[in-house]
C-alpha cells in the first residue's frame, strides 16, 4: 500500500519552500490516501440456490477466499458478482461455490 500527498503543493522546509514535482508522501501533510488494490470484477452464474439462506451461504463461501473484497449474490438472477484482486483466478471462485454445494453454469 502506498501513501501520497497532493500534486503541485509546496512543502515548507527550513523557513523556505521546496518546490514539488509530482507526489510527496502524505505524512508531510498529516494524512493518508489508500490506493484501491481490488481492480477486477468477475461474474458467476450459479444454479441450485432456492432461498436467502442459499444466497448467504454462497456469499460467505466467496468472501472467505483470500483476495476477495466483496461478493454480491442475487437469487432472482442466479448470479454472483465478485470484486477481487488481480491475482485471483475464476477457477478458485468456482471451486468455492461448488464446495458450498451449488453448481456454476
PDB file of N, CA and C in Angstrom:
ATOM      1  N   UNK A   1       0.849  -1.162   0.000  1.00  0.00           N
ATOM      2  CA  UNK A   1       0.000   0.000   0.000  1.00  0.00           C
ATOM      3  C   UNK A   1       0.901   1.233   0.000  1.00  0.00           C
ATOM      4  N   UNK A   2       0.611   2.185  -0.859  1.00  0.00           N
ATOM      5  CA  UNK A   2       1.396   3.407  -0.934  1.00  0.00           C
ATOM      6  C   UNK A   2       0.571   4.580  -0.418  1.00  0.00           C
ATOM      7  N   UNK A   3       1.258   5.562   0.158  1.00  0.00           N
ATOM      8  CA  UNK A   3       0.585   6.783   0.607  1.00  0.00           C
ATOM      9  C   UNK A   3       1.243   7.977  -0.065  1.00  0.00           C
ATOM     10  N   UNK A   4       0.406   8.901  -0.550  1.00  0.00           N
ATOM     11  CA  UNK A   4       0.920  10.046  -1.280  1.00  0.00           C
ATOM     12  C   UNK A   4       0.160  11.305  -0.919  1.00  0.00           C
ATOM     13  N   UNK A   5       0.798  12.454  -1.122  1.00  0.00           N
ATOM     14  CA  UNK A   5       0.158  13.749  -0.918  1.00  0.00           C
ATOM     15  C   UNK A   5      -0.281  14.338  -2.243  1.00  0.00           C
ATOM     16  N   UNK A   6      -0.828  15.558  -2.205  1.00  0.00           N
ATOM     17  CA  UNK A   6      -1.332  16.181  -3.429  1.00  0.00           C
ATOM     18  C   UNK A   6      -0.228  16.604  -4.393  1.00  0.00           C
ATOM     19  N   UNK A   7      -0.578  16.715  -5.639  1.00  0.00           N
ATOM     20  CA  UNK A   7       0.362  17.131  -6.678  1.00  0.00           C
ATOM     21  C   UNK A   7       0.468  18.653  -6.691  1.00  0.00           C
ATOM     22  N   UNK A   8       1.700  19.157  -6.846  1.00  0.00           N
ATOM     23  CA  UNK A   8       1.902  20.578  -7.077  1.00  0.00           C
ATOM     24  C   UNK A   8       1.858  21.467  -5.850  1.00  0.00           C
ATOM     25  N   UNK A   9       1.814  20.932  -4.633  1.00  0.00           N
ATOM     26  CA  UNK A   9       1.831  21.747  -3.423  1.00  0.00           C
ATOM     27  C   UNK A   9       3.273  21.999  -3.017  1.00  0.00           C
ATOM     28  N   UNK A  10       3.512  23.121  -2.364  1.00  0.00           N
ATOM     29  CA  UNK A  10       4.840  23.425  -1.857  1.00  0.00           C
ATOM     30  C   UNK A  10       4.978  22.865  -0.443  1.00  0.00           C
ATOM     31  N   UNK A  11       6.139  22.344  -0.119  1.00  0.00           N
ATOM     32  CA  UNK A  11       6.412  21.765   1.190  1.00  0.00           C
ATOM     33  C   UNK A  11       7.357  22.706   1.920  1.00  0.00           C
ATOM     34  N   UNK A  12       6.921  23.226   3.069  1.00  0.00           N
ATOM     35  CA  UNK A  12       7.753  24.153   3.829  1.00  0.00           C
ATOM     36  C   UNK A  12       8.921  23.395   4.439  1.00  0.00           C
ATOM     37  N   UNK A  13      10.138  23.959   4.284  1.00  0.00           N
ATOM     38  CA  UNK A  13      11.319  23.297   4.806  1.00  0.00           C
ATOM     39  C   UNK A  13      12.356  24.346   5.175  1.00  0.00           C
ATOM     40  N   UNK A  14      12.802  24.327   6.425  1.00  0.00           N
ATOM     41  CA  UNK A  14      13.830  25.250   6.916  1.00  0.00           C
ATOM     42  C   UNK A  14      13.511  26.703   6.630  1.00  0.00           C
ATOM     43  N   UNK A  15      12.266  27.110   6.870  1.00  0.00           N
ATOM     44  CA  UNK A  15      11.885  28.506   6.709  1.00  0.00           C
ATOM     45  C   UNK A  15      11.593  28.907   5.271  1.00  0.00           C
ATOM     46  N   UNK A  16      11.916  28.086   4.300  1.00  0.00           N
ATOM     47  CA  UNK A  16      11.644  28.398   2.908  1.00  0.00           C
ATOM     48  C   UNK A  16      10.684  27.384   2.337  1.00  0.00           C
ATOM     49  N   UNK A  17      10.516  27.382   1.047  1.00  0.00           N
ATOM     50  CA  UNK A  17       9.640  26.411   0.401  1.00  0.00           C
ATOM     51  C   UNK A  17      10.430  25.593  -0.590  1.00  0.00           C
ATOM     52  N   UNK A  18      10.141  24.347  -0.611  1.00  0.00           N
ATOM     53  CA  UNK A  18      10.763  23.443  -1.567  1.00  0.00           C
ATOM     54  C   UNK A  18       9.724  23.150  -2.645  1.00  0.00           C
ATOM     55  N   UNK A  19      10.034  23.475  -3.877  1.00  0.00           N
ATOM     56  CA  UNK A  19       9.086  23.230  -4.966  1.00  0.00           C
ATOM     57  C   UNK A  19       8.881  21.732  -5.136  1.00  0.00           C
ATOM     58  N   UNK A  20       7.681  21.354  -5.502  1.00  0.00           N
ATOM     59  CA  UNK A  20       7.395  19.928  -5.650  1.00  0.00           C
ATOM     60  C   UNK A  20       7.206  19.573  -7.115  1.00  0.00           C
ATOM     61  N   UNK A  21       7.605  18.378  -7.434  1.00  0.00           N
ATOM     62  CA  UNK A  21       7.355  17.791  -8.748  1.00  0.00           C
ATOM     63  C   UNK A  21       6.693  16.459  -8.478  1.00  0.00           C
ATOM     64  N   UNK A  22       5.464  16.305  -8.867  1.00  0.00           N
ATOM     65  CA  UNK A  22       4.778  15.035  -8.674  1.00  0.00           C
ATOM     66  C   UNK A  22       4.211  14.885  -7.281  1.00  0.00           C
ATOM     67  N   UNK A  23       4.355  13.680  -6.741  1.00  0.00           N
ATOM     68  CA  UNK A  23       3.699  13.338  -5.487  1.00  0.00           C
ATOM     69  C   UNK A  23       4.692  13.215  -4.339  1.00  0.00           C
ATOM     70  N   UNK A  24       4.269  13.651  -3.154  1.00  0.00           N
ATOM     71  CA  UNK A  24       5.046  13.507  -1.929  1.00  0.00           C
ATOM     72  C   UNK A  24       4.290  12.610  -0.966  1.00  0.00           C
ATOM     73  N   UNK A  25       5.001  11.961  -0.026  1.00  0.00           N
ATOM     74  CA  UNK A  25       4.292  11.154   0.976  1.00  0.00           C
ATOM     75  C   UNK A  25       3.274  11.989   1.737  1.00  0.00           C
ATOM     76  N   UNK A  26       2.106  11.416   1.945  1.00  0.00           N
ATOM     77  CA  UNK A  26       1.005  12.140   2.591  1.00  0.00           C
ATOM     78  C   UNK A  26       1.339  12.539   4.017  1.00  0.00           C
ATOM     79  N   UNK A  27       2.244  11.838   4.660  1.00  0.00           N
ATOM     80  CA  UNK A  27       2.601  12.176   6.031  1.00  0.00           C
ATOM     81  C   UNK A  27       3.115  13.614   6.134  1.00  0.00           C
ATOM     82  N   UNK A  28       3.694  14.141   5.069  1.00  0.00           N
ATOM     83  CA  UNK A  28       4.175  15.520   5.076  1.00  0.00           C
ATOM     84  C   UNK A  28       3.033  16.499   5.306  1.00  0.00           C
ATOM     85  N   UNK A  29       1.819  16.122   4.956  1.00  0.00           N
ATOM     86  CA  UNK A  29       0.650  16.982   5.157  1.00  0.00           C
ATOM     87  C   UNK A  29      -0.263  16.451   6.263  1.00  0.00           C
ATOM     88  N   UNK A  30       0.130  15.320   6.883  1.00  0.00           N
ATOM     89  CA  UNK A  30      -0.624  14.801   8.006  1.00  0.00           C
ATOM     90  C   UNK A  30      -1.832  13.942   7.654  1.00  0.00           C
ATOM     91  N   UNK A  31      -1.877  13.376   6.471  1.00  0.00           N
ATOM     92  CA  UNK A  31      -2.997  12.499   6.115  1.00  0.00           C
ATOM     93  C   UNK A  31      -2.514  11.340   5.253  1.00  0.00           C
ATOM     94  N   UNK A  32      -3.377  10.369   5.073  1.00  0.00           N
ATOM     95  CA  UNK A  32      -3.047   9.180   4.297  1.00  0.00           C
ATOM     96  C   UNK A  32      -4.121   8.943   3.244  1.00  0.00           C
ATOM     97  N   UNK A  33      -3.696   8.558   2.050  1.00  0.00           N
ATOM     98  CA  UNK A  33      -4.614   8.187   0.975  1.00  0.00           C
ATOM     99  C   UNK A  33      -4.366   6.718   0.681  1.00  0.00           C
ATOM    100  N   UNK A  34      -5.431   5.909   0.685  1.00  0.00           N
ATOM    101  CA  UNK A  34      -5.302   4.494   0.393  1.00  0.00           C
ATOM    102  C   UNK A  34      -5.634   4.252  -1.073  1.00  0.00           C
ATOM    103  N   UNK A  35      -4.732   3.608  -1.779  1.00  0.00           N
ATOM    104  CA  UNK A  35      -4.976   3.270  -3.175  1.00  0.00           C
ATOM    105  C   UNK A  35      -5.727   1.946  -3.235  1.00  0.00           C
ATOM    106  N   UNK A  36      -6.696   1.869  -4.092  1.00  0.00           N
ATOM    107  CA  UNK A  36      -7.524   0.676  -4.222  1.00  0.00           C
ATOM    108  C   UNK A  36      -6.699  -0.477  -4.786  1.00  0.00           C
ATOM    109  N   UNK A  37      -6.720  -1.614  -4.089  1.00  0.00           N
ATOM    110  CA  UNK A  37      -5.977  -2.778  -4.532  1.00  0.00           C
ATOM    111  C   UNK A  37      -6.850  -3.779  -5.284  1.00  0.00           C
ATOM    112  N   UNK A  38      -8.170  -3.590  -5.264  1.00  0.00           N
ATOM    113  CA  UNK A  38      -9.085  -4.534  -5.891  1.00  0.00           C
ATOM    114  C   UNK A  38      -9.504  -3.977  -7.243  1.00  0.00           C
ATOM    115  N   UNK A  39      -8.963  -4.571  -8.302  1.00  0.00           N
ATOM    116  CA  UNK A  39      -9.156  -3.992  -9.626  1.00  0.00           C
ATOM    117  C   UNK A  39     -10.030  -4.829 -10.546  1.00  0.00           C
ATOM    118  N   UNK A  40     -10.443  -6.004 -10.105  1.00  0.00           N
ATOM    119  CA  UNK A  40     -11.163  -6.873 -11.020  1.00  0.00           C
ATOM    120  C   UNK A  40     -12.541  -7.245 -10.485  1.00  0.00           C
ATOM    121  N   UNK A  41     -13.443  -7.507 -11.408  1.00  0.00           N
ATOM    122  CA  UNK A  41     -14.784  -7.989 -11.075  1.00  0.00           C
ATOM    123  C   UNK A  41     -15.076  -9.212 -11.934  1.00  0.00           C
ATOM    124  N   UNK A  42     -15.561 -10.266 -11.284  1.00  0.00           N
ATOM    125  CA  UNK A  42     -15.928 -11.490 -12.003  1.00  0.00           C
ATOM    126  C   UNK A  42     -17.383 -11.817 -11.720  1.00  0.00           C
ATOM    127  N   UNK A  43     -18.052 -12.387 -12.714  1.00  0.00           N
ATOM    128  CA  UNK A  43     -19.452 -12.805 -12.564  1.00  0.00           C
ATOM    129  C   UNK A  43     -19.551 -14.310 -12.729  1.00  0.00           C
ATOM    130  N   UNK A  44     -20.378 -14.913 -11.882  1.00  0.00           N
ATOM    131  CA  UNK A  44     -20.609 -16.348 -11.940  1.00  0.00           C
ATOM    132  C   UNK A  44     -22.100 -16.609 -12.039  1.00  0.00           C
ATOM    133  N   UNK A  45     -22.509 -17.503 -12.899  1.00  0.00           N
ATOM    134  CA  UNK A  45     -23.894 -17.963 -12.993  1.00  0.00           C
ATOM    135  C   UNK A  45     -24.005 -19.176 -12.086  1.00  0.00           C
ATOM    136  N   UNK A  46     -24.903 -19.116 -11.098  1.00  0.00           N
ATOM    137  CA  UNK A  46     -24.987 -20.161 -10.078  1.00  0.00           C
ATOM    138  C   UNK A  46     -26.350 -20.846 -10.114  1.00  0.00           C
ATOM    139  N   UNK A  47     -26.337 -22.167 -10.129  1.00  0.00           N
ATOM    140  CA  UNK A  47     -27.556 -22.977 -10.114  1.00  0.00           C
ATOM    141  C   UNK A  47     -27.701 -23.640  -8.747  1.00  0.00           C
ATOM    142  N   UNK A  48     -28.955 -23.829  -8.326  1.00  0.00           N
ATOM    143  CA  UNK A  48     -29.216 -24.559  -7.096  1.00  0.00           C
ATOM    144  C   UNK A  48     -29.599 -23.710  -5.896  1.00  0.00           C
ATOM    145  N   UNK A  49     -29.563 -22.405  -6.037  1.00  0.00           N
ATOM    146  CA  UNK A  49     -29.984 -21.541  -4.932  1.00  0.00           C
ATOM    147  C   UNK A  49     -31.503 -21.415  -4.961  1.00  0.00           C
ATOM    148  N   UNK A  50     -32.136 -21.582  -3.787  1.00  0.00           N
ATOM    149  CA  UNK A  50     -33.598 -21.504  -3.750  1.00  0.00           C
ATOM    150  C   UNK A  50     -34.138 -20.528  -2.707  1.00  0.00           C
ATOM    151  N   UNK A  51     -33.257 -19.978  -1.851  1.00  0.00           N
ATOM    152  CA  UNK A  51     -33.724 -19.079  -0.792  1.00  0.00           C
ATOM    153  C   UNK A  51     -32.604 -18.128  -0.369  1.00  0.00           C
ATOM    154  N   UNK A  52     -32.930 -17.225   0.531  1.00  0.00           N
ATOM    155  CA  UNK A  52     -31.945 -16.253   1.011  1.00  0.00           C
ATOM    156  C   UNK A  52     -30.844 -16.921   1.835  1.00  0.00           C
ATOM    157  N   UNK A  53     -31.164 -18.051   2.458  1.00  0.00           N
ATOM    158  CA  UNK A  53     -30.123 -18.797   3.176  1.00  0.00           C
ATOM    159  C   UNK A  53     -29.055 -19.273   2.188  1.00  0.00           C
ATOM    160  N   UNK A  54     -29.466 -19.726   1.025  1.00  0.00           N
ATOM    161  CA  UNK A  54     -28.535 -20.149  -0.025  1.00  0.00           C
ATOM    162  C   UNK A  54     -27.652 -18.976  -0.454  1.00  0.00           C
ATOM    163  N   UNK A  55     -28.270 -17.822  -0.624  1.00  0.00           N
ATOM    164  CA  UNK A  55     -27.538 -16.615  -1.018  1.00  0.00           C
ATOM    165  C   UNK A  55     -26.455 -16.312   0.010  1.00  0.00           C
ATOM    166  N   UNK A  56     -26.822 -16.349   1.277  1.00  0.00           N
ATOM    167  CA  UNK A  56     -25.874 -16.073   2.361  1.00  0.00           C
ATOM    168  C   UNK A  56     -24.740 -17.099   2.360  1.00  0.00           C
ATOM    169  N   UNK A  57     -25.076 -18.358   2.137  1.00  0.00           N
ATOM    170  CA  UNK A  57     -24.081 -19.429   2.122  1.00  0.00           C
ATOM    171  C   UNK A  57     -23.060 -19.211   1.000  1.00  0.00           C
ATOM    172  N   UNK A  58     -23.527 -18.877  -0.195  1.00  0.00           N
ATOM    173  CA  UNK A  58     -22.632 -18.627  -1.332  1.00  0.00           C
ATOM    174  C   UNK A  58     -21.787 -17.383  -1.074  1.00  0.00           C
ATOM    175  N   UNK A  59     -22.410 -16.326  -0.583  1.00  0.00           N
ATOM    176  CA  UNK A  59     -21.694 -15.076  -0.290  1.00  0.00           C
ATOM    177  C   UNK A  59     -20.562 -15.325   0.701  1.00  0.00           C
ATOM    178  N   UNK A  60     -20.851 -16.047   1.779  1.00  0.00           N
ATOM    179  CA  UNK A  60     -19.834 -16.338   2.786  1.00  0.00           C
ATOM    180  C   UNK A  60     -18.706 -17.198   2.223  1.00  0.00           C
ATOM    181  N   UNK A  61     -19.041 -18.157   1.367  1.00  0.00           N
ATOM    182  CA  UNK A  61     -18.024 -19.014   0.748  1.00  0.00           C
ATOM    183  C   UNK A  61     -17.082 -18.199  -0.134  1.00  0.00           C
ATOM    184  N   UNK A  62     -17.645 -17.276  -0.905  1.00  0.00           N
ATOM    185  CA  UNK A  62     -16.821 -16.447  -1.791  1.00  0.00           C
ATOM    186  C   UNK A  62     -15.978 -15.443  -1.001  1.00  0.00           C
ATOM    187  N   UNK A  63     -16.571 -14.816  -0.003  1.00  0.00           N
ATOM    188  CA  UNK A  63     -15.845 -13.802   0.770  1.00  0.00           C
ATOM    189  C   UNK A  63     -14.796 -14.407   1.694  1.00  0.00           C
ATOM    190  N   UNK A  64     -14.828 -15.724   1.889  1.00  0.00           N
ATOM    191  CA  UNK A  64     -13.811 -16.387   2.704  1.00  0.00           C
ATOM    192  C   UNK A  64     -12.499 -16.583   1.936  1.00  0.00           C
ATOM    193  N   UNK A  65     -12.532 -16.374   0.635  1.00  0.00           N
ATOM    194  CA  UNK A  65     -11.339 -16.547  -0.205  1.00  0.00           C
ATOM    195  C   UNK A  65     -10.430 -15.338  -0.032  1.00  0.00           C
ATOM    196  N   UNK A  66      -9.155 -15.606   0.204  1.00  0.00           N
ATOM    197  CA  UNK A  66      -8.168 -14.530   0.324  1.00  0.00           C
ATOM    198  C   UNK A  66      -8.088 -13.765  -1.000  1.00  0.00           C
ATOM    199  N   UNK A  67      -8.177 -12.457  -0.941  1.00  0.00           N
ATOM    200  CA  UNK A  67      -8.129 -11.623  -2.143  1.00  0.00           C
ATOM    201  C   UNK A  67      -9.477 -11.137  -2.617  1.00  0.00           C
ATOM    202  N   UNK A  68     -10.560 -11.653  -2.017  1.00  0.00           N
ATOM    203  CA  UNK A  68     -11.911 -11.202  -2.383  1.00  0.00           C
ATOM    204  C   UNK A  68     -12.287 -10.028  -1.485  1.00  0.00           C
ATOM    205  N   UNK A  69     -12.670  -8.932  -2.110  1.00  0.00           N
ATOM    206  CA  UNK A  69     -13.106  -7.752  -1.358  1.00  0.00           C
ATOM    207  C   UNK A  69     -14.580  -7.875  -0.998  1.00  0.00           C
ATOM    208  N   UNK A  70     -15.405  -8.238  -1.973  1.00  0.00           N
ATOM    209  CA  UNK A  70     -16.837  -8.357  -1.715  1.00  0.00           C
ATOM    210  C   UNK A  70     -17.474  -9.298  -2.733  1.00  0.00           C
ATOM    211  N   UNK A  71     -18.622  -9.843  -2.328  1.00  0.00           N
ATOM    212  CA  UNK A  71     -19.403 -10.701  -3.223  1.00  0.00           C
ATOM    213  C   UNK A  71     -20.861 -10.298  -3.087  1.00  0.00           C
ATOM    214  N   UNK A  72     -21.500 -10.031  -4.219  1.00  0.00           N
ATOM    215  CA  UNK A  72     -22.931  -9.724  -4.248  1.00  0.00           C
ATOM    216  C   UNK A  72     -23.612 -10.890  -4.951  1.00  0.00           C
ATOM    217  N   UNK A  73     -24.473 -11.578  -4.216  1.00  0.00           N
ATOM    218  CA  UNK A  73     -25.145 -12.764  -4.758  1.00  0.00           C
ATOM    219  C   UNK A  73     -26.619 -12.431  -4.912  1.00  0.00           C
ATOM    220  N   UNK A  74     -27.160 -12.707  -6.105  1.00  0.00           N
ATOM    221  CA  UNK A  74     -28.559 -12.378  -6.413  1.00  0.00           C
ATOM    222  C   UNK A  74     -29.341 -13.654  -6.710  1.00  0.00           C
ATOM    223  N   UNK A  75     -30.348 -13.895  -5.889  1.00  0.00           N
ATOM    224  CA  UNK A  75     -31.163 -15.109  -6.030  1.00  0.00           C
ATOM    225  C   UNK A  75     -31.956 -15.096  -7.329  1.00  0.00           C
ATOM    226  N   UNK A  76     -32.655 -13.995  -7.596  1.00  0.00           N
ATOM    227  CA  UNK A  76     -33.520 -13.913  -8.774  1.00  0.00           C
ATOM    228  C   UNK A  76     -32.736 -14.077 -10.084  1.00  0.00           C
ATOM    229  N   UNK A  77     -31.560 -13.463 -10.148  1.00  0.00           N
ATOM    230  CA  UNK A  77     -30.736 -13.536 -11.358  1.00  0.00           C
ATOM    231  C   UNK A  77     -29.844 -14.780 -11.389  1.00  0.00           C
ATOM    232  N   UNK A  78     -29.789 -15.508 -10.260  1.00  0.00           N
ATOM    233  CA  UNK A  78     -28.952 -16.706 -10.136  1.00  0.00           C
ATOM    234  C   UNK A  78     -27.496 -16.409 -10.487  1.00  0.00           C
ATOM    235  N   UNK A  79     -26.968 -15.352  -9.877  1.00  0.00           N
ATOM    236  CA  UNK A  79     -25.586 -14.987 -10.184  1.00  0.00           C
ATOM    237  C   UNK A  79     -24.886 -14.381  -8.971  1.00  0.00           C
ATOM    238  N   UNK A  80     -23.568 -14.309  -9.077  1.00  0.00           N
ATOM    239  CA  UNK A  80     -22.740 -13.637  -8.079  1.00  0.00           C
ATOM    240  C   UNK A  80     -21.775 -12.720  -8.819  1.00  0.00           C
ATOM    241  N   UNK A  81     -21.571 -11.535  -8.282  1.00  0.00           N
ATOM    242  CA  UNK A  81     -20.592 -10.590  -8.804  1.00  0.00           C
ATOM    243  C   UNK A  81     -19.553 -10.418  -7.706  1.00  0.00           C
ATOM    244  N   UNK A  82     -18.312 -10.741  -8.037  1.00  0.00           N
ATOM    245  CA  UNK A  82     -17.241 -10.766  -7.039  1.00  0.00           C
ATOM    246  C   UNK A  82     -16.188  -9.719  -7.382  1.00  0.00           C
ATOM    247  N   UNK A  83     -15.870  -8.873  -6.414  1.00  0.00           N
ATOM    248  CA  UNK A  83     -14.823  -7.870  -6.565  1.00  0.00           C
ATOM    249  C   UNK A  83     -13.572  -8.430  -5.893  1.00  0.00           C
ATOM    250  N   UNK A  84     -12.449  -8.501  -6.644  1.00  0.00           N
ATOM    251  CA  UNK A  84     -11.254  -9.147  -6.118  1.00  0.00           C
ATOM    252  C   UNK A  84      -9.991  -8.570  -6.725  1.00  0.00           C
ATOM    253  N   UNK A  85      -8.858  -8.964  -6.167  1.00  0.00           N
ATOM    254  CA  UNK A  85      -7.562  -8.547  -6.677  1.00  0.00           C
ATOM    255  C   UNK A  85      -7.206  -9.292  -7.950  1.00  0.00           C
ATOM    256  N   UNK A  86      -6.183  -8.803  -8.614  1.00  0.00           N
ATOM    257  CA  UNK A  86      -5.790  -9.360  -9.920  1.00  0.00           C
ATOM    258  C   UNK A  86      -5.225 -10.771  -9.848  1.00  0.00           C
ATOM    259  N   UNK A  87      -4.690 -11.178  -8.703  1.00  0.00           N
ATOM    260  CA  UNK A  87      -4.047 -12.478  -8.601  1.00  0.00           C
ATOM    261  C   UNK A  87      -4.992 -13.654  -8.436  1.00  0.00           C
ATOM    262  N   UNK A  88      -6.275 -13.397  -8.348  1.00  0.00           N
ATOM    263  CA  UNK A  88      -7.259 -14.457  -8.099  1.00  0.00           C
ATOM    264  C   UNK A  88      -7.895 -14.891  -9.418  1.00  0.00           C
ATOM    265  N   UNK A  89      -7.897 -16.202  -9.661  1.00  0.00           N
ATOM    266  CA  UNK A  89      -8.471 -16.678 -10.920  1.00  0.00           C
ATOM    267  C   UNK A  89      -9.916 -17.157 -10.730  1.00  0.00           C
ATOM    268  N   UNK A  90     -10.614 -17.264 -11.830  1.00  0.00           N
ATOM    269  CA  UNK A  90     -12.027 -17.642 -11.849  1.00  0.00           C
ATOM    270  C   UNK A  90     -12.239 -19.058 -11.324  1.00  0.00           C
ATOM    271  N   UNK A  91     -11.297 -19.944 -11.564  1.00  0.00           N
ATOM    272  CA  UNK A  91     -11.425 -21.336 -11.110  1.00  0.00           C
ATOM    273  C   UNK A  91     -11.478 -21.428  -9.585  1.00  0.00           C
ATOM    274  N   UNK A  92     -10.775 -20.560  -8.886  1.00  0.00           N
ATOM    275  CA  UNK A  92     -10.808 -20.532  -7.421  1.00  0.00           C
ATOM    276  C   UNK A  92     -12.192 -20.137  -6.932  1.00  0.00           C
ATOM    277  N   UNK A  93     -12.798 -19.153  -7.593  1.00  0.00           N
ATOM    278  CA  UNK A  93     -14.152 -18.709  -7.234  1.00  0.00           C
ATOM    279  C   UNK A  93     -15.155 -19.830  -7.483  1.00  0.00           C
ATOM    280  N   UNK A  94     -15.041 -20.470  -8.649  1.00  0.00           N
ATOM    281  CA  UNK A  94     -15.951 -21.573  -8.997  1.00  0.00           C
ATOM    282  C   UNK A  94     -15.832 -22.715  -7.990  1.00  0.00           C
ATOM    283  N   UNK A  95     -14.616 -23.048  -7.605  1.00  0.00           N
ATOM    284  CA  UNK A  95     -14.386 -24.149  -6.665  1.00  0.00           C
ATOM    285  C   UNK A  95     -15.035 -23.865  -5.309  1.00  0.00           C
ATOM    286  N   UNK A  96     -15.017 -22.622  -4.865  1.00  0.00           N
ATOM    287  CA  UNK A  96     -15.638 -22.267  -3.588  1.00  0.00           C
ATOM    288  C   UNK A  96     -17.151 -22.444  -3.644  1.00  0.00           C
ATOM    289  N   UNK A  97     -17.750 -22.085  -4.766  1.00  0.00           N
ATOM    290  CA  UNK A  97     -19.208 -22.238  -4.931  1.00  0.00           C
ATOM    291  C   UNK A  97     -19.585 -23.714  -4.967  1.00  0.00           C
ATOM    292  N   UNK A  98     -18.819 -24.505  -5.697  1.00  0.00           N
ATOM    293  CA  UNK A  98     -19.083 -25.947  -5.787  1.00  0.00           C
ATOM    294  C   UNK A  98     -18.906 -26.605  -4.412  1.00  0.00           C
ATOM    295  N   UNK A  99     -17.863 -26.211  -3.694  1.00  0.00           N
ATOM    296  CA  UNK A  99     -17.630 -26.763  -2.359  1.00  0.00           C
ATOM    297  C   UNK A  99     -18.753 -26.404  -1.392  1.00  0.00           C
ATOM    298  N   UNK A 100     -19.386 -25.258  -1.627  1.00  0.00           N
ATOM    299  CA  UNK A 100     -20.530 -24.849  -0.801  1.00  0.00           C
ATOM    300  C   UNK A 100     -21.803 -25.619  -1.144  1.00  0.00           C
ATOM    301  N   UNK A 101     -21.762 -26.386  -2.239  1.00  0.00           N
ATOM    302  CA  UNK A 101     -22.908 -27.234  -2.579  1.00  0.00           C
ATOM    303  C   UNK A 101     -23.771 -26.746  -3.737  1.00  0.00           C
ATOM    304  N   UNK A 102     -23.245 -25.863  -4.544  1.00  0.00           N
ATOM    305  CA  UNK A 102     -24.021 -25.302  -5.659  1.00  0.00           C
ATOM    306  C   UNK A 102     -23.268 -25.542  -6.963  1.00  0.00           C
ATOM    307  N   UNK A 103     -23.951 -25.347  -8.078  1.00  0.00           N
ATOM    308  CA  UNK A 103     -23.348 -25.551  -9.395  1.00  0.00           C
ATOM    309  C   UNK A 103     -23.049 -24.211 -10.054  1.00  0.00           C
ATOM    310  N   UNK A 104     -21.940 -24.170 -10.761  1.00  0.00           N
ATOM    311  CA  UNK A 104     -21.592 -22.979 -11.541  1.00  0.00           C
ATOM    312  C   UNK A 104     -21.852 -23.308 -13.002  1.00  0.00           C
ATOM    313  N   UNK A 105     -22.757 -22.543 -13.619  1.00  0.00           N
ATOM    314  CA  UNK A 105     -23.151 -22.803 -15.016  1.00  0.00           C
ATOM    315  C   UNK A 105     -22.137 -22.218 -15.970  1.00  0.00           C
TER     316      UNK A 105
END
